[in-house]
Amino acid sequence: MTEQKYTYKKWKAFVNLSYQDKLMWSRQLIASALKLNNKPVVCLSWGKDSIVMLHLIRQYCKNTYVVFANTLIEYPETYKYRDMMLKEHLTDLNYFETKPIKQFGECVKLYGYPHKRMTAEDNTSKRQPKCCIYLKERPLDNKIKELGCDVEFIGLQTTESMNRRRLFMRMGAYYPNKTRKINVCLPLAIWNDKDIKRYAQENKVPLNPLYKIMNRTGCMFCTGFLNWREVMAKYNKKLYAGILLRKEGQEILKDCYDSSIPPTTKVVGILEATL
């Protein structure tokens, strides 16, 4: 399997394939990547994409390494979901967790709150917030090197952003990361959320209950994506008010403290303890 480059037209043709054709494409890609490598690793976030990807891969390789970059500031629902899945559905998983090199509070003090990631439309911002590097990327890289893995499976949908689409067009769905000295495989590159939900439903794969509240998982205090304000306020207005005050020094609206939106009453306590 060699690196491939695609035009926009070719990418569009891929993402417009039928669900069954996408499924066949993913299975062939996974089988080929496993044939070419000896020590696969799945990067698991406990989000819908990575859990569906893991289910797909385990049909071909049960003993793949699975690594979760635990930032220690994931949503409470994610930790509950993780515990349930490991206890009830993934009891035989070859599973590892990493811990941050620097805590989130330390990163905020040193570098400020996460800035918006660089997009294809705006190249004035820095590419990666520092907290992502110290909470996720470096711990994950260190563990993967320690395990001696030669191929890394990432559940990335190229339909989610222009940067992801351009990555696929430039590198394809399987390519060597020469800097990190590992092959990268993107089995869900041409999928969309509808495909993910269909696969989960048909294969009885439980999804993180956080998706009943919002359409993302990840770090609870993240301010590095475009609509973080709406997402955080929807999840917990007290949390949003606290972050807004710390990040931008804005006045806290009185009604922010009248919300009963938890899904958990511990969110504000977590915020205070972290920062």
Protein backbone atom coordinates (compact mmCIF):
# COMPACT_ATOMS: atom_id res chain seq x y z
CA MET A 1 0.00 0.00 0.00
CA THR A 2 1.53 3.29 -1.10
CA GLU A 3 0.80 6.93 -0.34
CA GLN A 4 -1.95 8.36 -2.50
CA LYS A 5 -2.96 11.89 -3.37
CA TYR A 6 -6.47 12.87 -4.34
CA THR A 7 -8.14 15.76 -6.10
CA TYR A 8 -11.19 17.45 -4.58
CA LYS A 9 -13.34 15.68 -7.16
CA LYS A 10 -11.95 12.29 -6.12
CA TRP A 11 -12.46 13.08 -2.42
CA LYS A 12 -16.03 14.15 -3.14
CA ALA A 13 -16.66 10.90 -4.98
CA PHE A 14 -15.42 8.95 -1.96
CA VAL A 15 -17.60 10.74 0.58
CA ASN A 16 -20.63 10.33 -1.69
CA LEU A 17 -20.26 6.55 -1.81
CA SER A 18 -23.05 4.44 -0.33
CA TYR A 19 -22.73 3.30 3.27
CA GLN A 20 -22.02 -0.28 2.20
CA ASP A 21 -19.29 0.85 -0.19
CA LYS A 22 -17.68 2.98 2.52
CA LEU A 23 -17.80 0.02 4.89
CA MET A 24 -16.10 -2.21 2.32
CA TRP A 25 -13.46 0.48 1.67
CA SER A 26 -12.72 0.77 5.40
CA ARG A 27 -12.47 -2.97 5.90
CA GLN A 28 -10.08 -3.36 2.97
CA LEU A 29 -7.96 -0.47 4.27
CA ILE A 30 -7.78 -1.95 7.78
CA ALA A 31 -6.92 -5.42 6.49
CA SER A 32 -4.16 -4.02 4.26
CA ALA A 33 -2.68 -1.89 7.05
CA LEU A 34 -2.65 -4.85 9.45
CA LYS A 35 -0.99 -7.05 6.85
CA LEU A 36 1.81 -4.53 6.37
CA ASN A 37 2.48 -3.92 10.08
CA ASN A 38 3.08 -5.99 13.20
CA LYS A 39 2.14 -3.80 16.18
CA PRO A 40 -1.02 -1.77 15.61
CA VAL A 41 -2.35 0.78 18.06
CA VAL A 42 -5.78 2.38 18.20
CA CYS A 43 -5.98 5.93 19.54
CA LEU A 44 -9.20 5.87 21.55
CA SER A 45 -10.92 9.03 22.80
CA TRP A 46 -14.15 7.29 23.88
CA GLY A 47 -15.94 9.40 21.27
CA LYS A 48 -18.25 7.90 18.65
CA ASP A 49 -15.70 7.81 15.82
CA SER A 50 -12.94 6.06 17.72
CA ILE A 51 -15.24 3.50 19.35
CA VAL A 52 -16.74 2.56 15.97
CA MET A 53 -13.23 2.35 14.51
CA LEU A 54 -12.14 0.09 17.35
CA HIS A 55 -15.11 -2.21 16.75
CA LEU A 56 -14.19 -2.44 13.07
CA ILE A 57 -10.51 -3.16 13.74
CA ARG A 58 -11.20 -5.82 16.36
CA GLN A 59 -12.96 -7.88 13.71
CA TYR A 60 -9.50 -8.36 12.19
CA CYS A 61 -7.16 -8.01 15.17
CA LYS A 62 -8.24 -8.64 18.76
CA ASN A 63 -4.88 -7.95 20.36
CA THR A 64 -4.25 -4.45 19.03
CA TYR A 65 -2.94 -1.98 21.57
CA VAL A 66 -5.48 0.65 22.59
CA VAL A 67 -4.35 3.95 24.13
CA PHE A 68 -6.51 6.67 25.66
CA ALA A 69 -4.84 10.05 26.23
CA ASN A 70 -6.50 10.86 29.56
CA THR A 71 -6.26 14.63 29.98
CA LEU A 72 -7.86 14.37 33.45
CA ILE A 73 -10.38 17.02 32.37
CA GLU A 74 -12.66 14.90 30.18
CA TYR A 75 -16.40 15.22 30.73
CA PRO A 76 -17.75 13.13 33.64
CA GLU A 77 -20.01 11.30 31.19
CA THR A 78 -16.93 10.15 29.26
CA TYR A 79 -15.32 8.62 32.33
CA LYS A 80 -18.54 6.82 33.24
CA TYR A 81 -18.86 5.55 29.69
CA ARG A 82 -15.22 4.39 29.69
CA ASP A 83 -15.73 2.45 32.92
CA MET A 84 -18.92 0.83 31.62
CA MET A 85 -17.37 -0.17 28.30
CA LEU A 86 -14.26 -1.67 29.91
CA LYS A 87 -16.37 -3.60 32.39
CA GLU A 88 -19.19 -4.81 30.16
CA HIS A 89 -18.09 -4.74 26.51
CA LEU A 90 -14.30 -4.58 26.20
CA THR A 91 -13.12 -6.82 29.03
CA ASP A 92 -10.26 -8.30 26.97
CA LEU A 93 -8.89 -4.98 25.68
CA ASN A 94 -5.11 -4.50 25.54
CA TYR A 95 -5.64 -1.08 27.08
CA PHE A 96 -3.41 1.75 28.28
CA GLU A 97 -3.99 5.31 29.50
CA THR A 98 -1.59 8.22 29.46
CA LYS A 99 -1.46 11.14 31.86
CA PRO A 100 -0.58 14.76 31.08
CA ILE A 101 3.01 15.97 31.12
CA LYS A 102 1.68 19.30 32.40
CA GLN A 103 -1.72 19.72 34.07
CA PHE A 104 -4.33 21.90 32.39
CA GLY A 105 -4.16 24.53 35.14
CA GLU A 106 -0.42 24.80 34.70
CA CYS A 107 -0.82 25.21 30.95
CA VAL A 108 -3.37 27.98 31.45
CA LYS A 109 -1.03 29.83 33.79
CA LEU A 110 1.91 29.48 31.41
CA TYR A 111 0.22 29.88 28.01
CA GLY A 112 -3.32 31.11 28.59
CA TYR A 113 -6.53 29.35 27.66
CA PRO A 114 -6.59 27.29 24.45
CA HIS A 115 -6.67 29.51 21.38
CA LYS A 116 -8.64 28.73 18.24
CA ARG A 117 -6.82 26.22 16.07
CA MET A 118 -5.49 27.40 12.74
CA THR A 119 -7.98 26.81 9.96
CA ALA A 120 -7.68 26.85 6.22
CA GLU A 121 -9.45 30.22 6.21
CA ASP A 122 -7.37 31.76 8.98
CA ASN A 123 -3.64 31.10 9.15
CA THR A 124 -2.91 33.87 11.65
CA SER A 125 -3.41 31.74 14.76
CA LYS A 126 -0.95 29.17 16.05
CA ARG A 127 -1.47 25.66 14.81
CA GLN A 128 -1.92 23.85 18.12
CA PRO A 129 -2.83 25.00 21.65
CA LYS A 130 -0.05 24.18 24.10
CA CYS A 131 -2.40 22.25 26.37
CA CYS A 132 -3.14 19.80 23.52
CA ILE A 133 0.58 19.11 23.22
CA TYR A 134 1.18 18.50 26.93
CA LEU A 135 -2.12 16.82 27.82
CA LYS A 136 -2.54 14.62 24.73
CA GLU A 137 0.01 14.59 21.95
CA ARG A 138 3.33 14.08 23.72
CA PRO A 139 2.01 11.59 26.31
CA LEU A 140 0.36 9.63 23.48
CA ASP A 141 3.51 9.71 21.33
CA ASN A 142 5.65 8.58 24.26
CA LYS A 143 3.39 5.62 25.04
CA ILE A 144 3.19 4.54 21.38
CA LYS A 145 7.00 4.64 21.12
CA GLU A 146 7.29 2.70 24.38
CA LEU A 147 4.98 0.01 23.02
CA GLY A 148 6.96 -0.17 19.77
CA CYS A 149 3.92 0.29 17.53
CA ASP A 150 4.36 0.59 13.79
CA VAL A 151 0.86 1.65 12.66
CA GLU A 152 -1.53 4.05 14.36
CA PHE A 153 -5.26 3.97 13.65
CA ILE A 154 -7.03 7.32 14.07
CA GLY A 155 -10.81 7.80 13.79
CA LEU A 156 -10.78 10.99 11.78
CA GLN A 157 -13.59 12.10 9.45
CA THR A 158 -12.42 14.37 6.65
CA THR A 159 -15.95 15.77 6.28
CA GLU A 160 -15.55 17.59 9.62
CA SER A 161 -13.12 20.28 8.50
CA MET A 162 -11.23 21.68 5.52
CA ASN A 163 -7.89 20.88 7.17
CA ARG A 164 -8.85 17.22 7.49
CA ARG A 165 -10.03 17.12 3.91
CA ARG A 166 -6.76 18.63 2.72
CA LEU A 167 -4.79 16.11 4.77
CA PHE A 168 -6.60 13.27 3.01
CA MET A 169 -6.15 14.84 -0.41
CA ARG A 170 -2.44 15.36 0.21
CA MET A 171 -1.57 12.12 2.04
CA GLY A 172 -4.40 9.65 1.51
CA ALA A 173 -5.85 7.36 4.18
CA TYR A 174 -2.59 5.50 4.84
CA TYR A 175 0.77 7.22 4.99
CA PRO A 176 4.05 7.28 6.94
CA ASN A 177 4.49 10.02 9.51
CA LYS A 178 8.19 10.57 8.96
CA THR A 179 8.62 12.83 11.98
CA ARG A 180 7.09 10.35 14.42
CA LYS A 181 8.36 7.31 12.51
CA ILE A 182 5.05 5.50 12.40
CA ASN A 183 2.49 4.67 9.74
CA VAL A 184 -0.90 6.35 10.06
CA CYS A 185 -4.20 4.81 8.97
CA LEU A 186 -7.51 6.70 8.77
CA PRO A 187 -10.22 4.04 8.33
CA LEU A 188 -13.13 6.48 8.73
CA ALA A 189 -11.73 9.21 6.51
CA ILE A 190 -14.66 9.15 4.06
CA TRP A 191 -17.42 8.55 6.65
CA ASN A 192 -19.84 11.07 8.15
CA ASP A 193 -21.88 11.18 11.35
CA LYS A 194 -24.82 9.46 9.70
CA ASP A 195 -22.58 6.52 8.74
CA ILE A 196 -21.17 6.32 12.28
CA LYS A 197 -24.61 6.25 13.88
CA ARG A 198 -25.85 3.64 11.42
CA TYR A 199 -22.88 1.36 12.09
CA ALA A 200 -23.27 1.74 15.86
CA GLN A 201 -26.97 0.95 15.68
CA GLU A 202 -26.61 -2.04 13.36
CA ASN A 203 -23.74 -3.52 15.37
CA LYS A 204 -25.14 -2.65 18.81
CA VAL A 205 -22.13 -0.49 19.73
CA PRO A 206 -23.05 1.75 22.69
CA LEU A 207 -22.07 5.39 22.17
CA ASN A 208 -21.00 7.93 24.76
CA PRO A 209 -24.18 9.35 26.38
CA LEU A 210 -22.62 12.80 26.15
CA TYR A 211 -23.91 12.91 22.56
CA LYS A 212 -27.43 13.18 23.95
CA ILE A 213 -26.43 16.61 25.23
CA MET A 214 -24.00 17.87 22.58
CA ASN A 215 -22.24 16.75 19.41
CA ARG A 216 -18.69 16.53 20.76
CA THR A 217 -16.56 14.95 23.46
CA GLY A 218 -13.06 15.95 24.55
CA CYS A 219 -11.75 18.31 27.22
CA MET A 220 -14.45 19.91 29.32
CA PHE A 221 -12.65 23.27 29.60
CA CYS A 222 -11.57 23.59 25.97
CA THR A 223 -11.87 27.02 24.36
CA GLY A 224 -9.93 26.07 21.24
CA PHE A 225 -12.79 25.40 18.83
CA LEU A 226 -15.11 27.76 17.03
CA ASN A 227 -18.37 27.36 18.99
CA TRP A 228 -16.95 26.58 22.43
CA ARG A 229 -19.15 29.24 24.04
CA GLU A 230 -22.40 27.67 22.86
CA VAL A 231 -21.22 24.15 23.72
CA MET A 232 -20.01 25.05 27.21
CA ALA A 233 -23.07 27.15 28.06
CA LYS A 234 -25.36 24.35 26.92
CA TYR A 235 -23.53 21.81 29.05
CA ASN A 236 -23.31 23.87 32.24
CA LYS A 237 -23.84 27.61 32.55
CA LYS A 238 -21.87 27.81 35.80
CA LEU A 239 -18.88 26.26 34.12
CA TYR A 240 -19.26 28.64 31.18
CA ALA A 241 -19.49 31.67 33.46
CA GLY A 242 -16.38 30.62 35.38
CA ILE A 243 -14.30 30.03 32.25
CA LEU A 244 -15.52 33.25 30.65
CA LEU A 245 -14.52 35.27 33.71
CA ARG A 246 -11.08 33.69 33.89
CA LYS A 247 -10.42 33.78 30.15
CA GLU A 248 -11.75 37.20 29.23
CA GLY A 249 -12.55 38.97 32.49
CA GLN A 250 -16.17 39.36 31.47
CA GLU A 251 -19.01 40.04 33.85
CA ILE A 252 -20.86 36.95 35.04
CA LEU A 253 -24.55 37.17 34.23
CA LYS A 254 -26.76 36.52 37.21
CA ASP A 255 -28.83 33.87 35.47
CA CYS A 256 -25.70 31.79 34.86
CA TYR A 257 -25.93 30.66 38.46
CA ASP A 258 -29.62 29.77 38.26
CA SER A 259 -29.08 26.93 35.81
CA SER A 260 -29.75 23.34 36.75
CA ILE A 261 -28.24 22.01 33.53
CA PRO A 262 -25.61 19.73 35.04
CA PRO A 263 -25.45 16.44 33.91
CA THR A 264 -23.31 16.62 37.04
CA THR A 265 -23.19 18.90 40.04
CA LYS A 266 -19.44 18.38 40.39
CA VAL A 267 -18.43 20.39 37.32
CA VAL A 268 -17.75 23.68 39.08
CA GLY A 269 -15.84 21.89 41.82
CA ILE A 270 -13.67 20.25 39.18
CA LEU A 271 -13.03 23.66 37.65
CA GLU A 272 -11.97 25.15 40.99
CA ALA A 273 -9.71 22.20 41.80
CA THR A 274 -8.07 22.29 38.37
CA LEU A 275 -7.37 25.99 38.20
